[in-house]
Amino acid sequence: MNTLNVGDTAPNFSLQNQSGETVSLQQALTHGPVLVYFYPKASTPGCTVQAQGLRDIKAQLDGLNVTVFGISPDPVAKLAKFAEKQALNFNLLSDEDHAVADGFGVWGEKKFTLDKIA
């Protein structure tokens, strides 16, 4: 897995949002900065809290002209339910084959590590 580093150019993508509309990174970048975050599954506790946090600061992000994209392997229909239930005010994008996540270097098996406490 190739992880992006600071200064790397993000791979362009075009994905369907929760409304079935195609959205592209290249198009969004013409309007200003883009915040892209990846999450493993809609409606799980951690993913819900993360989405709610971004929803709640959306006005601040709008003031900075930031476009938000949340990307998961969920199908469009599931994203629509999640967005409606949580009153999300930004695009959720469906990456069912996780090709975009692979391109960003964020798709892989979940690993847990325990640090030794001294």
PDB file of N, CA and C in Angstrom:
ATOM      1  N   MET A   1       0.850  -1.179   0.000  1.00  0.00           N
ATOM      2  CA  MET A   1       0.000   0.000   0.000  1.00  0.00           C
ATOM      3  C   MET A   1       0.892   1.237   0.000  1.00  0.00           C
ATOM      4  N   ASN A   2       0.660   2.131  -0.957  1.00  0.00           N
ATOM      5  CA  ASN A   2       1.397   3.386  -1.048  1.00  0.00           C
ATOM      6  C   ASN A   2       0.616   4.485  -0.359  1.00  0.00           C
ATOM      7  N   THR A   3       1.146   5.015   0.709  1.00  0.00           N
ATOM      8  CA  THR A   3       0.486   6.077   1.454  1.00  0.00           C
ATOM      9  C   THR A   3       0.947   7.424   0.911  1.00  0.00           C
ATOM     10  N   LEU A   4       0.014   8.351   0.797  1.00  0.00           N
ATOM     11  CA  LEU A   4       0.369   9.704   0.373  1.00  0.00           C
ATOM     12  C   LEU A   4       1.137  10.403   1.489  1.00  0.00           C
ATOM     13  N   ASN A   5       2.042  11.256   1.096  1.00  0.00           N
ATOM     14  CA  ASN A   5       2.813  12.052   2.042  1.00  0.00           C
ATOM     15  C   ASN A   5       2.494  13.528   1.830  1.00  0.00           C
ATOM     16  N   VAL A   6       2.838  14.340   2.803  1.00  0.00           N
ATOM     17  CA  VAL A   6       2.632  15.778   2.688  1.00  0.00           C
ATOM     18  C   VAL A   6       3.312  16.267   1.409  1.00  0.00           C
ATOM     19  N   GLY A   7       2.584  17.018   0.609  1.00  0.00           N
ATOM     20  CA  GLY A   7       3.101  17.562  -0.626  1.00  0.00           C
ATOM     21  C   GLY A   7       2.798  16.719  -1.848  1.00  0.00           C
ATOM     22  N   ASP A   8       2.371  15.461  -1.652  1.00  0.00           N
ATOM     23  CA  ASP A   8       1.993  14.616  -2.784  1.00  0.00           C
ATOM     24  C   ASP A   8       0.706  15.134  -3.408  1.00  0.00           C
ATOM     25  N   THR A   9       0.572  14.937  -4.707  1.00  0.00           N
ATOM     26  CA  THR A   9      -0.663  15.284  -5.392  1.00  0.00           C
ATOM     27  C   THR A   9      -1.668  14.160  -5.176  1.00  0.00           C
ATOM     28  N   ALA A  10      -2.843  14.519  -4.728  1.00  0.00           N
ATOM     29  CA  ALA A  10      -3.897  13.525  -4.510  1.00  0.00           C
ATOM     30  C   ALA A  10      -4.379  12.998  -5.855  1.00  0.00           C
ATOM     31  N   PRO A  11      -4.642  11.695  -5.931  1.00  0.00           N
ATOM     32  CA  PRO A  11      -5.174  11.152  -7.184  1.00  0.00           C
ATOM     33  C   PRO A  11      -6.577  11.691  -7.452  1.00  0.00           C
ATOM     34  N   ASN A  12      -6.838  12.044  -8.705  1.00  0.00           N
ATOM     35  CA  ASN A  12      -8.167  12.524  -9.054  1.00  0.00           C
ATOM     36  C   ASN A  12      -9.150  11.360  -8.982  1.00  0.00           C
ATOM     37  N   PHE A  13     -10.406  11.675  -8.734  1.00  0.00           N
ATOM     38  CA  PHE A  13     -11.448  10.646  -8.725  1.00  0.00           C
ATOM     39  C   PHE A  13     -12.774  11.263  -9.114  1.00  0.00           C
ATOM     40  N   SER A  14     -13.665  10.407  -9.575  1.00  0.00           N
ATOM     41  CA  SER A  14     -15.065  10.754  -9.826  1.00  0.00           C
ATOM     42  C   SER A  14     -15.892   9.628  -9.229  1.00  0.00           C
ATOM     43  N   LEU A  15     -16.766   9.974  -8.294  1.00  0.00           N
ATOM     44  CA  LEU A  15     -17.600   8.988  -7.608  1.00  0.00           C
ATOM     45  C   LEU A  15     -19.021   9.517  -7.490  1.00  0.00           C
ATOM     46  N   GLN A  16     -19.955   8.607  -7.240  1.00  0.00           N
ATOM     47  CA  GLN A  16     -21.340   9.019  -7.018  1.00  0.00           C
ATOM     48  C   GLN A  16     -21.539   9.397  -5.559  1.00  0.00           C
ATOM     49  N   ASN A  17     -22.299  10.488  -5.365  1.00  0.00           N
ATOM     50  CA  ASN A  17     -22.637  10.902  -4.000  1.00  0.00           C
ATOM     51  C   ASN A  17     -23.934  10.234  -3.553  1.00  0.00           C
ATOM     52  N   GLN A  18     -24.386  10.604  -2.373  1.00  0.00           N
ATOM     53  CA  GLN A  18     -25.585   9.997  -1.788  1.00  0.00           C
ATOM     54  C   GLN A  18     -26.845  10.260  -2.606  1.00  0.00           C
ATOM     55  N   SER A  19     -26.795  11.198  -3.533  1.00  0.00           N
ATOM     56  CA  SER A  19     -27.939  11.488  -4.408  1.00  0.00           C
ATOM     57  C   SER A  19     -27.795  10.842  -5.780  1.00  0.00           C
ATOM     58  N   GLY A  20     -26.710  10.089  -5.987  1.00  0.00           N
ATOM     59  CA  GLY A  20     -26.478   9.439  -7.270  1.00  0.00           C
ATOM     60  C   GLY A  20     -25.826  10.342  -8.300  1.00  0.00           C
ATOM     61  N   GLU A  21     -25.402  11.532  -7.901  1.00  0.00           N
ATOM     62  CA  GLU A  21     -24.739  12.466  -8.804  1.00  0.00           C
ATOM     63  C   GLU A  21     -23.235  12.190  -8.805  1.00  0.00           C
ATOM     64  N   THR A  22     -22.604  12.337  -9.956  1.00  0.00           N
ATOM     65  CA  THR A  22     -21.156  12.136 -10.045  1.00  0.00           C
ATOM     66  C   THR A  22     -20.441  13.399  -9.601  1.00  0.00           C
ATOM     67  N   VAL A  23     -19.491  13.230  -8.711  1.00  0.00           N
ATOM     68  CA  VAL A  23     -18.709  14.323  -8.142  1.00  0.00           C
ATOM     69  C   VAL A  23     -17.237  13.996  -8.381  1.00  0.00           C
ATOM     70  N   SER A  24     -16.450  15.016  -8.770  1.00  0.00           N
ATOM     71  CA  SER A  24     -15.028  14.763  -8.994  1.00  0.00           C
ATOM     72  C   SER A  24     -14.169  15.676  -8.129  1.00  0.00           C
ATOM     73  N   LEU A  25     -13.023  15.155  -7.766  1.00  0.00           N
ATOM     74  CA  LEU A  25     -12.071  15.953  -6.997  1.00  0.00           C
ATOM     75  C   LEU A  25     -11.598  17.145  -7.826  1.00  0.00           C
ATOM     76  N   GLN A  26     -11.281  16.901  -9.083  1.00  0.00           N
ATOM     77  CA  GLN A  26     -10.771  17.967  -9.957  1.00  0.00           C
ATOM     78  C   GLN A  26     -11.755  19.134 -10.025  1.00  0.00           C
ATOM     79  N   GLN A  27     -13.041  18.824 -10.175  1.00  0.00           N
ATOM     80  CA  GLN A  27     -14.052  19.877 -10.245  1.00  0.00           C
ATOM     81  C   GLN A  27     -14.144  20.634  -8.919  1.00  0.00           C
ATOM     82  N   ALA A  28     -14.119  19.907  -7.811  1.00  0.00           N
ATOM     83  CA  ALA A  28     -14.217  20.546  -6.496  1.00  0.00           C
ATOM     84  C   ALA A  28     -13.036  21.465  -6.231  1.00  0.00           C
ATOM     85  N   LEU A  29     -11.853  21.075  -6.681  1.00  0.00           N
ATOM     86  CA  LEU A  29     -10.658  21.881  -6.444  1.00  0.00           C
ATOM     87  C   LEU A  29     -10.693  23.233  -7.163  1.00  0.00           C
ATOM     88  N   THR A  30     -11.537  23.364  -8.175  1.00  0.00           N
ATOM     89  CA  THR A  30     -11.649  24.666  -8.849  1.00  0.00           C
ATOM     90  C   THR A  30     -12.338  25.691  -7.962  1.00  0.00           C
ATOM     91  N   HIS A  31     -12.990  25.230  -6.892  1.00  0.00           N
ATOM     92  CA  HIS A  31     -13.705  26.127  -5.980  1.00  0.00           C
ATOM     93  C   HIS A  31     -12.924  26.419  -4.706  1.00  0.00           C
ATOM     94  N   GLY A  32     -11.812  25.713  -4.485  1.00  0.00           N
ATOM     95  CA  GLY A  32     -11.019  25.921  -3.279  1.00  0.00           C
ATOM     96  C   GLY A  32     -10.521  24.609  -2.709  1.00  0.00           C
ATOM     97  N   PRO A  33     -10.043  24.661  -1.472  1.00  0.00           N
ATOM     98  CA  PRO A  33      -9.499  23.453  -0.853  1.00  0.00           C
ATOM     99  C   PRO A  33     -10.573  22.383  -0.638  1.00  0.00           C
ATOM    100  N   VAL A  34     -10.121  21.129  -0.586  1.00  0.00           N
ATOM    101  CA  VAL A  34     -11.023  20.000  -0.393  1.00  0.00           C
ATOM    102  C   VAL A  34     -10.525  19.171   0.784  1.00  0.00           C
ATOM    103  N   LEU A  35     -11.430  18.836   1.679  1.00  0.00           N
ATOM    104  CA  LEU A  35     -11.143  17.953   2.799  1.00  0.00           C
ATOM    105  C   LEU A  35     -11.743  16.593   2.442  1.00  0.00           C
ATOM    106  N   VAL A  36     -10.886  15.594   2.274  1.00  0.00           N
ATOM    107  CA  VAL A  36     -11.328  14.242   1.945  1.00  0.00           C
ATOM    108  C   VAL A  36     -11.056  13.369   3.154  1.00  0.00           C
ATOM    109  N   TYR A  37     -12.090  12.691   3.639  1.00  0.00           N
ATOM    110  CA  TYR A  37     -11.865  11.727   4.712  1.00  0.00           C
ATOM    111  C   TYR A  37     -12.483  10.409   4.322  1.00  0.00           C
ATOM    112  N   PHE A  38     -11.881   9.343   4.799  1.00  0.00           N
ATOM    113  CA  PHE A  38     -12.337   7.990   4.505  1.00  0.00           C
ATOM    114  C   PHE A  38     -12.849   7.356   5.783  1.00  0.00           C
ATOM    115  N   TYR A  39     -13.911   6.580   5.643  1.00  0.00           N
ATOM    116  CA  TYR A  39     -14.444   5.854   6.791  1.00  0.00           C
ATOM    117  C   TYR A  39     -14.900   4.477   6.315  1.00  0.00           C
ATOM    118  N   PRO A  40     -14.834   3.475   7.183  1.00  0.00           N
ATOM    119  CA  PRO A  40     -15.077   2.101   6.735  1.00  0.00           C
ATOM    120  C   PRO A  40     -16.531   1.709   6.508  1.00  0.00           C
ATOM    121  N   LYS A  41     -17.464   2.324   7.259  1.00  0.00           N
ATOM    122  CA  LYS A  41     -18.849   1.864   7.140  1.00  0.00           C
ATOM    123  C   LYS A  41     -19.807   2.887   7.753  1.00  0.00           C
ATOM    124  N   ALA A  42     -20.812   3.268   6.990  1.00  0.00           N
ATOM    125  CA  ALA A  42     -21.811   4.224   7.475  1.00  0.00           C
ATOM    126  C   ALA A  42     -22.599   3.655   8.640  1.00  0.00           C
ATOM    127  N   SER A  43     -22.996   4.535   9.533  1.00  0.00           N
ATOM    128  CA  SER A  43     -23.863   4.239  10.674  1.00  0.00           C
ATOM    129  C   SER A  43     -23.204   3.448  11.787  1.00  0.00           C
ATOM    130  N   THR A  44     -21.889   3.266  11.731  1.00  0.00           N
ATOM    131  CA  THR A  44     -21.201   2.676  12.879  1.00  0.00           C
ATOM    132  C   THR A  44     -20.897   3.807  13.855  1.00  0.00           C
ATOM    133  N   PRO A  45     -20.705   3.503  15.123  1.00  0.00           N
ATOM    134  CA  PRO A  45     -20.546   4.573  16.112  1.00  0.00           C
ATOM    135  C   PRO A  45     -19.434   5.577  15.795  1.00  0.00           C
ATOM    136  N   GLY A  46     -18.239   5.100  15.506  1.00  0.00           N
ATOM    137  CA  GLY A  46     -17.123   6.008  15.242  1.00  0.00           C
ATOM    138  C   GLY A  46     -17.338   6.842  13.991  1.00  0.00           C
ATOM    139  N   CYS A  47     -17.854   6.211  12.944  1.00  0.00           N
ATOM    140  CA  CYS A  47     -18.088   6.925  11.684  1.00  0.00           C
ATOM    141  C   CYS A  47     -19.188   7.966  11.843  1.00  0.00           C
ATOM    142  N   THR A  48     -20.172   7.659  12.653  1.00  0.00           N
ATOM    143  CA  THR A  48     -21.265   8.596  12.895  1.00  0.00           C
ATOM    144  C   THR A  48     -20.759   9.827  13.636  1.00  0.00           C
ATOM    145  N   VAL A  49     -19.963   9.626  14.670  1.00  0.00           N
ATOM    146  CA  VAL A  49     -19.413  10.753  15.430  1.00  0.00           C
ATOM    147  C   VAL A  49     -18.533  11.620  14.537  1.00  0.00           C
ATOM    148  N   GLN A  50     -17.718  10.988  13.700  1.00  0.00           N
ATOM    149  CA  GLN A  50     -16.844  11.718  12.785  1.00  0.00           C
ATOM    150  C   GLN A  50     -17.674  12.576  11.823  1.00  0.00           C
ATOM    151  N   ALA A  51     -18.708  11.989  11.232  1.00  0.00           N
ATOM    152  CA  ALA A  51     -19.556  12.723  10.288  1.00  0.00           C
ATOM    153  C   ALA A  51     -20.304  13.858  10.991  1.00  0.00           C
ATOM    154  N   GLN A  52     -20.798  13.606  12.193  1.00  0.00           N
ATOM    155  CA  GLN A  52     -21.504  14.644  12.938  1.00  0.00           C
ATOM    156  C   GLN A  52     -20.585  15.819  13.261  1.00  0.00           C
ATOM    157  N   GLY A  53     -19.329  15.518  13.582  1.00  0.00           N
ATOM    158  CA  GLY A  53     -18.369  16.576  13.880  1.00  0.00           C
ATOM    159  C   GLY A  53     -18.147  17.481  12.682  1.00  0.00           C
ATOM    160  N   LEU A  54     -18.007  16.882  11.510  1.00  0.00           N
ATOM    161  CA  LEU A  54     -17.839  17.693  10.302  1.00  0.00           C
ATOM    162  C   LEU A  54     -19.116  18.448   9.960  1.00  0.00           C
ATOM    163  N   ARG A  55     -20.258  17.808  10.162  1.00  0.00           N
ATOM    164  CA  ARG A  55     -21.547  18.486   9.942  1.00  0.00           C
ATOM    165  C   ARG A  55     -21.625  19.734  10.820  1.00  0.00           C
ATOM    166  N   ASP A  56     -21.213  19.584  12.070  1.00  0.00           N
ATOM    167  CA  ASP A  56     -21.367  20.664  13.039  1.00  0.00           C
ATOM    168  C   ASP A  56     -20.416  21.842  12.805  1.00  0.00           C
ATOM    169  N   ILE A  57     -19.315  21.626  12.084  1.00  0.00           N
ATOM    170  CA  ILE A  57     -18.391  22.742  11.791  1.00  0.00           C
ATOM    171  C   ILE A  57     -18.458  23.154  10.319  1.00  0.00           C
ATOM    172  N   LYS A  58     -19.464  22.685   9.608  1.00  0.00           N
ATOM    173  CA  LYS A  58     -19.581  22.959   8.171  1.00  0.00           C
ATOM    174  C   LYS A  58     -19.612  24.459   7.881  1.00  0.00           C
ATOM    175  N   ALA A  59     -20.274  25.242   8.701  1.00  0.00           N
ATOM    176  CA  ALA A  59     -20.328  26.696   8.469  1.00  0.00           C
ATOM    177  C   ALA A  59     -18.923  27.301   8.516  1.00  0.00           C
ATOM    178  N   GLN A  60     -18.097  26.841   9.446  1.00  0.00           N
ATOM    179  CA  GLN A  60     -16.721  27.328   9.525  1.00  0.00           C
ATOM    180  C   GLN A  60     -15.938  26.911   8.279  1.00  0.00           C
ATOM    181  N   LEU A  61     -16.125  25.681   7.847  1.00  0.00           N
ATOM    182  CA  LEU A  61     -15.436  25.196   6.653  1.00  0.00           C
ATOM    183  C   LEU A  61     -15.899  25.967   5.420  1.00  0.00           C
ATOM    184  N   ASP A  62     -17.197  26.256   5.346  1.00  0.00           N
ATOM    185  CA  ASP A  62     -17.718  27.063   4.240  1.00  0.00           C
ATOM    186  C   ASP A  62     -17.059  28.441   4.222  1.00  0.00           C
ATOM    187  N   GLY A  63     -16.836  29.012   5.403  1.00  0.00           N
ATOM    188  CA  GLY A  63     -16.182  30.311   5.504  1.00  0.00           C
ATOM    189  C   GLY A  63     -14.760  30.299   4.957  1.00  0.00           C
ATOM    190  N   LEU A  64     -14.161  29.123   4.951  1.00  0.00           N
ATOM    191  CA  LEU A  64     -12.808  28.948   4.401  1.00  0.00           C
ATOM    192  C   LEU A  64     -12.854  28.400   2.973  1.00  0.00           C
ATOM    193  N   ASN A  65     -14.073  28.273   2.440  1.00  0.00           N
ATOM    194  CA  ASN A  65     -14.288  27.776   1.079  1.00  0.00           C
ATOM    195  C   ASN A  65     -13.830  26.319   0.905  1.00  0.00           C
ATOM    196  N   VAL A  66     -13.966  25.515   1.973  1.00  0.00           N
ATOM    197  CA  VAL A  66     -13.542  24.116   1.955  1.00  0.00           C
ATOM    198  C   VAL A  66     -14.718  23.225   1.571  1.00  0.00           C
ATOM    199  N   THR A  67     -14.495  22.348   0.595  1.00  0.00           N
ATOM    200  CA  THR A  67     -15.467  21.328   0.211  1.00  0.00           C
ATOM    201  C   THR A  67     -15.128  20.050   0.972  1.00  0.00           C
ATOM    202  N   VAL A  68     -16.143  19.401   1.541  1.00  0.00           N
ATOM    203  CA  VAL A  68     -15.930  18.169   2.313  1.00  0.00           C
ATOM    204  C   VAL A  68     -16.469  16.978   1.536  1.00  0.00           C
ATOM    205  N   PHE A  69     -15.659  15.919   1.467  1.00  0.00           N
ATOM    206  CA  PHE A  69     -16.069  14.636   0.896  1.00  0.00           C
ATOM    207  C   PHE A  69     -15.772  13.540   1.912  1.00  0.00           C
ATOM    208  N   GLY A  70     -16.790  12.774   2.260  1.00  0.00           N
ATOM    209  CA  GLY A  70     -16.604  11.565   3.052  1.00  0.00           C
ATOM    210  C   GLY A  70     -16.716  10.375   2.123  1.00  0.00           C
ATOM    211  N   ILE A  71     -15.722   9.496   2.115  1.00  0.00           N
ATOM    212  CA  ILE A  71     -15.684   8.380   1.178  1.00  0.00           C
ATOM    213  C   ILE A  71     -15.687   7.058   1.927  1.00  0.00           C
ATOM    214  N   SER A  72     -16.573   6.151   1.498  1.00  0.00           N
ATOM    215  CA  SER A  72     -16.632   4.814   2.090  1.00  0.00           C
ATOM    216  C   SER A  72     -16.984   3.796   1.011  1.00  0.00           C
ATOM    217  N   PRO A  73     -16.823   2.513   1.314  1.00  0.00           N
ATOM    218  CA  PRO A  73     -17.200   1.482   0.350  1.00  0.00           C
ATOM    219  C   PRO A  73     -18.704   1.184   0.331  1.00  0.00           C
ATOM    220  N   ASP A  74     -19.491   1.963   1.042  1.00  0.00           N
ATOM    221  CA  ASP A  74     -20.937   1.749   1.084  1.00  0.00           C
ATOM    222  C   ASP A  74     -21.593   2.094  -0.249  1.00  0.00           C
ATOM    223  N   PRO A  75     -22.668   1.375  -0.612  1.00  0.00           N
ATOM    224  CA  PRO A  75     -23.410   1.734  -1.830  1.00  0.00           C
ATOM    225  C   PRO A  75     -24.157   3.060  -1.645  1.00  0.00           C
ATOM    226  N   VAL A  76     -24.507   3.677  -2.754  1.00  0.00           N
ATOM    227  CA  VAL A  76     -25.174   4.982  -2.746  1.00  0.00           C
ATOM    228  C   VAL A  76     -26.426   4.980  -1.862  1.00  0.00           C
ATOM    229  N   ALA A  77     -27.243   3.950  -1.955  1.00  0.00           N
ATOM    230  CA  ALA A  77     -28.489   3.903  -1.177  1.00  0.00           C
ATOM    231  C   ALA A  77     -28.217   3.956   0.326  1.00  0.00           C
ATOM    232  N   LYS A  78     -27.187   3.272   0.778  1.00  0.00           N
ATOM    233  CA  LYS A  78     -26.851   3.289   2.206  1.00  0.00           C
ATOM    234  C   LYS A  78     -26.339   4.666   2.616  1.00  0.00           C
ATOM    235  N   LEU A  79     -25.566   5.305   1.734  1.00  0.00           N
ATOM    236  CA  LEU A  79     -25.081   6.652   2.022  1.00  0.00           C
ATOM    237  C   LEU A  79     -26.235   7.632   2.145  1.00  0.00           C
ATOM    238  N   ALA A  80     -27.250   7.473   1.291  1.00  0.00           N
ATOM    239  CA  ALA A  80     -28.418   8.360   1.330  1.00  0.00           C
ATOM    240  C   ALA A  80     -29.137   8.243   2.671  1.00  0.00           C
ATOM    241  N   LYS A  81     -29.301   7.021   3.155  1.00  0.00           N
ATOM    242  CA  LYS A  81     -29.965   6.811   4.455  1.00  0.00           C
ATOM    243  C   LYS A  81     -29.144   7.423   5.591  1.00  0.00           C
ATOM    244  N   PHE A  82     -27.839   7.208   5.549  1.00  0.00           N
ATOM    245  CA  PHE A  82     -26.944   7.738   6.573  1.00  0.00           C
ATOM    246  C   PHE A  82     -26.984   9.267   6.574  1.00  0.00           C
ATOM    247  N   ALA A  83     -26.883   9.870   5.400  1.00  0.00           N
ATOM    248  CA  ALA A  83     -26.895  11.334   5.288  1.00  0.00           C
ATOM    249  C   ALA A  83     -28.208  11.914   5.793  1.00  0.00           C
ATOM    250  N   GLU A  84     -29.317  11.256   5.442  1.00  0.00           N
ATOM    251  CA  GLU A  84     -30.623  11.751   5.893  1.00  0.00           C
ATOM    252  C   GLU A  84     -30.783  11.598   7.403  1.00  0.00           C
ATOM    253  N   LYS A  85     -30.463  10.447   7.917  1.00  0.00           N
ATOM    254  CA  LYS A  85     -30.630  10.184   9.355  1.00  0.00           C
ATOM    255  C   LYS A  85     -29.788  11.139  10.201  1.00  0.00           C
ATOM    256  N   GLN A  86     -28.578  11.455   9.734  1.00  0.00           N
ATOM    257  CA  GLN A  86     -27.676  12.319  10.506  1.00  0.00           C
ATOM    258  C   GLN A  86     -27.725  13.787  10.069  1.00  0.00           C
ATOM    259  N   ALA A  87     -28.615  14.127   9.143  1.00  0.00           N
ATOM    260  CA  ALA A  87     -28.746  15.498   8.617  1.00  0.00           C
ATOM    261  C   ALA A  87     -27.381  16.031   8.162  1.00  0.00           C
ATOM    262  N   LEU A  88     -26.674  15.204   7.387  1.00  0.00           N
ATOM    263  CA  LEU A  88     -25.345  15.597   6.920  1.00  0.00           C
ATOM    264  C   LEU A  88     -25.467  16.615   5.800  1.00  0.00           C
ATOM    265  N   ASN A  89     -24.596  17.592   5.817  1.00  0.00           N
ATOM    266  CA  ASN A  89     -24.651  18.727   4.905  1.00  0.00           C
ATOM    267  C   ASN A  89     -23.445  18.780   3.965  1.00  0.00           C
ATOM    268  N   PHE A  90     -22.918  17.620   3.638  1.00  0.00           N
ATOM    269  CA  PHE A  90     -21.785  17.517   2.714  1.00  0.00           C
ATOM    270  C   PHE A  90     -21.920  16.204   1.947  1.00  0.00           C
ATOM    271  N   ASN A  91     -21.105  16.050   0.915  1.00  0.00           N
ATOM    272  CA  ASN A  91     -21.176  14.870   0.059  1.00  0.00           C
ATOM    273  C   ASN A  91     -20.531  13.646   0.687  1.00  0.00           C
ATOM    274  N   LEU A  92     -21.271  12.550   0.663  1.00  0.00           N
ATOM    275  CA  LEU A  92     -20.733  11.231   0.966  1.00  0.00           C
ATOM    276  C   LEU A  92     -20.580  10.535  -0.375  1.00  0.00           C
ATOM    277  N   LEU A  93     -19.433   9.916  -0.600  1.00  0.00           N
ATOM    278  CA  LEU A  93     -19.140   9.318  -1.897  1.00  0.00           C
ATOM    279  C   LEU A  93     -18.959   7.813  -1.769  1.00  0.00           C
ATOM    280  N   SER A  94     -19.502   7.096  -2.747  1.00  0.00           N
ATOM    281  CA  SER A  94     -19.462   5.635  -2.749  1.00  0.00           C
ATOM    282  C   SER A  94     -18.245   5.130  -3.531  1.00  0.00           C
ATOM    283  N   ASP A  95     -17.396   4.394  -2.837  1.00  0.00           N
ATOM    284  CA  ASP A  95     -16.178   3.802  -3.409  1.00  0.00           C
ATOM    285  C   ASP A  95     -16.242   2.296  -3.164  1.00  0.00           C
ATOM    286  N   GLU A  96     -17.269   1.656  -3.771  1.00  0.00           N
ATOM    287  CA  GLU A  96     -17.551   0.249  -3.461  1.00  0.00           C
ATOM    288  C   GLU A  96     -16.388  -0.693  -3.717  1.00  0.00           C
ATOM    289  N   ASP A  97     -15.601  -0.423  -4.729  1.00  0.00           N
ATOM    290  CA  ASP A  97     -14.458  -1.308  -5.001  1.00  0.00           C
ATOM    291  C   ASP A  97     -13.185  -0.808  -4.309  1.00  0.00           C
ATOM    292  N   HIS A  98     -13.302   0.206  -3.486  1.00  0.00           N
ATOM    293  CA  HIS A  98     -12.254   0.890  -2.736  1.00  0.00           C
ATOM    294  C   HIS A  98     -11.032   1.264  -3.586  1.00  0.00           C
ATOM    295  N   ALA A  99     -11.262   1.526  -4.870  1.00  0.00           N
ATOM    296  CA  ALA A  99     -10.172   1.941  -5.763  1.00  0.00           C
ATOM    297  C   ALA A  99      -9.616   3.306  -5.362  1.00  0.00           C
ATOM    298  N   VAL A 100     -10.493   4.221  -4.967  1.00  0.00           N
ATOM    299  CA  VAL A 100     -10.028   5.551  -4.563  1.00  0.00           C
ATOM    300  C   VAL A 100      -9.263   5.447  -3.240  1.00  0.00           C
ATOM    301  N   ALA A 101      -9.795   4.687  -2.301  1.00  0.00           N
ATOM    302  CA  ALA A 101      -9.096   4.485  -1.030  1.00  0.00           C
ATOM    303  C   ALA A 101      -7.726   3.861  -1.272  1.00  0.00           C
ATOM    304  N   ASP A 102      -7.648   2.900  -2.187  1.00  0.00           N
ATOM    305  CA  ASP A 102      -6.352   2.307  -2.549  1.00  0.00           C
ATOM    306  C   ASP A 102      -5.409   3.374  -3.095  1.00  0.00           C
ATOM    307  N   GLY A 103      -5.938   4.245  -3.971  1.00  0.00           N
ATOM    308  CA  GLY A 103      -5.126   5.296  -4.568  1.00  0.00           C
ATOM    309  C   GLY A 103      -4.573   6.270  -3.543  1.00  0.00           C
ATOM    310  N   PHE A 104      -5.318   6.481  -2.468  1.00  0.00           N
ATOM    311  CA  PHE A 104      -4.873   7.367  -1.398  1.00  0.00           C
ATOM    312  C   PHE A 104      -4.019   6.615  -0.373  1.00  0.00           C
ATOM    313  N   GLY A 105      -3.959   5.282  -0.524  1.00  0.00           N
ATOM    314  CA  GLY A 105      -3.155   4.475   0.393  1.00  0.00           C
ATOM    315  C   GLY A 105      -3.771   4.282   1.755  1.00  0.00           C
ATOM    316  N   VAL A 106      -5.114   4.277   1.811  1.00  0.00           N
ATOM    317  CA  VAL A 106      -5.770   4.155   3.116  1.00  0.00           C
ATOM    318  C   VAL A 106      -6.608   2.886   3.261  1.00  0.00           C
ATOM    319  N   TRP A 107      -6.611   2.034   2.241  1.00  0.00           N
ATOM    320  CA  TRP A 107      -7.402   0.813   2.333  1.00  0.00           C
ATOM    321  C   TRP A 107      -6.491  -0.332   2.743  1.00  0.00           C
ATOM    322  N   GLY A 108      -6.900  -1.067   3.737  1.00  0.00           N
ATOM    323  CA  GLY A 108      -6.113  -2.218   4.170  1.00  0.00           C
ATOM    324  C   GLY A 108      -6.766  -2.875   5.355  1.00  0.00           C
ATOM    325  N   GLU A 109      -6.199  -3.964   5.742  1.00  0.00           N
ATOM    326  CA  GLU A 109      -6.714  -4.695   6.887  1.00  0.00           C
ATOM    327  C   GLU A 109      -6.505  -3.872   8.147  1.00  0.00           C
ATOM    328  N   LYS A 110      -7.526  -3.869   8.995  1.00  0.00           N
ATOM    329  CA  LYS A 110      -7.451  -3.135  10.250  1.00  0.00           C
ATOM    330  C   LYS A 110      -6.411  -3.801  11.140  1.00  0.00           C
ATOM    331  N   LYS A 111      -5.546  -2.993  11.716  1.00  0.00           N
ATOM    332  CA  LYS A 111      -4.500  -3.523  12.591  1.00  0.00           C
ATOM    333  C   LYS A 111      -4.596  -2.844  13.941  1.00  0.00           C
ATOM    334  N   PHE A 112      -4.489  -3.639  14.962  1.00  0.00           N
ATOM    335  CA  PHE A 112      -4.475  -3.115  16.312  1.00  0.00           C
ATOM    336  C   PHE A 112      -3.076  -3.296  16.877  1.00  0.00           C
ATOM    337  N   THR A 113      -2.557  -2.280  17.528  1.00  0.00           N
ATOM    338  CA  THR A 113      -1.261  -2.403  18.171  1.00  0.00           C
ATOM    339  C   THR A 113      -1.395  -1.955  19.615  1.00  0.00           C
ATOM    340  N   LEU A 114      -0.680  -2.607  20.439  1.00  0.00           N
ATOM    341  CA  LEU A 114      -0.643  -2.232  21.849  1.00  0.00           C
ATOM    342  C   LEU A 114       0.775  -1.800  22.178  1.00  0.00           C
ATOM    343  N   ASP A 115       0.880  -0.620  22.716  1.00  0.00           N
ATOM    344  CA  ASP A 115       2.185  -0.137  23.139  1.00  0.00           C
ATOM    345  C   ASP A 115       2.450  -0.626  24.552  1.00  0.00           C
ATOM    346  N   LYS A 116       3.660  -1.002  24.788  1.00  0.00           N
ATOM    347  CA  LYS A 116       4.055  -1.446  26.119  1.00  0.00           C
ATOM    348  C   LYS A 116       4.063  -0.248  27.056  1.00  0.00           C
ATOM    349  N   ILE A 117       3.392  -0.384  28.136  1.00  0.00           N
ATOM    350  CA  ILE A 117       3.335   0.696  29.140  1.00  0.00           C
ATOM    351  C   ILE A 117       4.445   0.448  30.142  1.00  0.00           C
ATOM    352  N   ALA A 118       5.284   1.444  30.316  1.00  0.00           N
ATOM    353  CA  ALA A 118       6.426   1.294  31.240  1.00  0.00           C
ATOM    354  C   ALA A 118       6.039   1.705  32.635  1.00  0.00           C
TER     355      ALA A 118
END
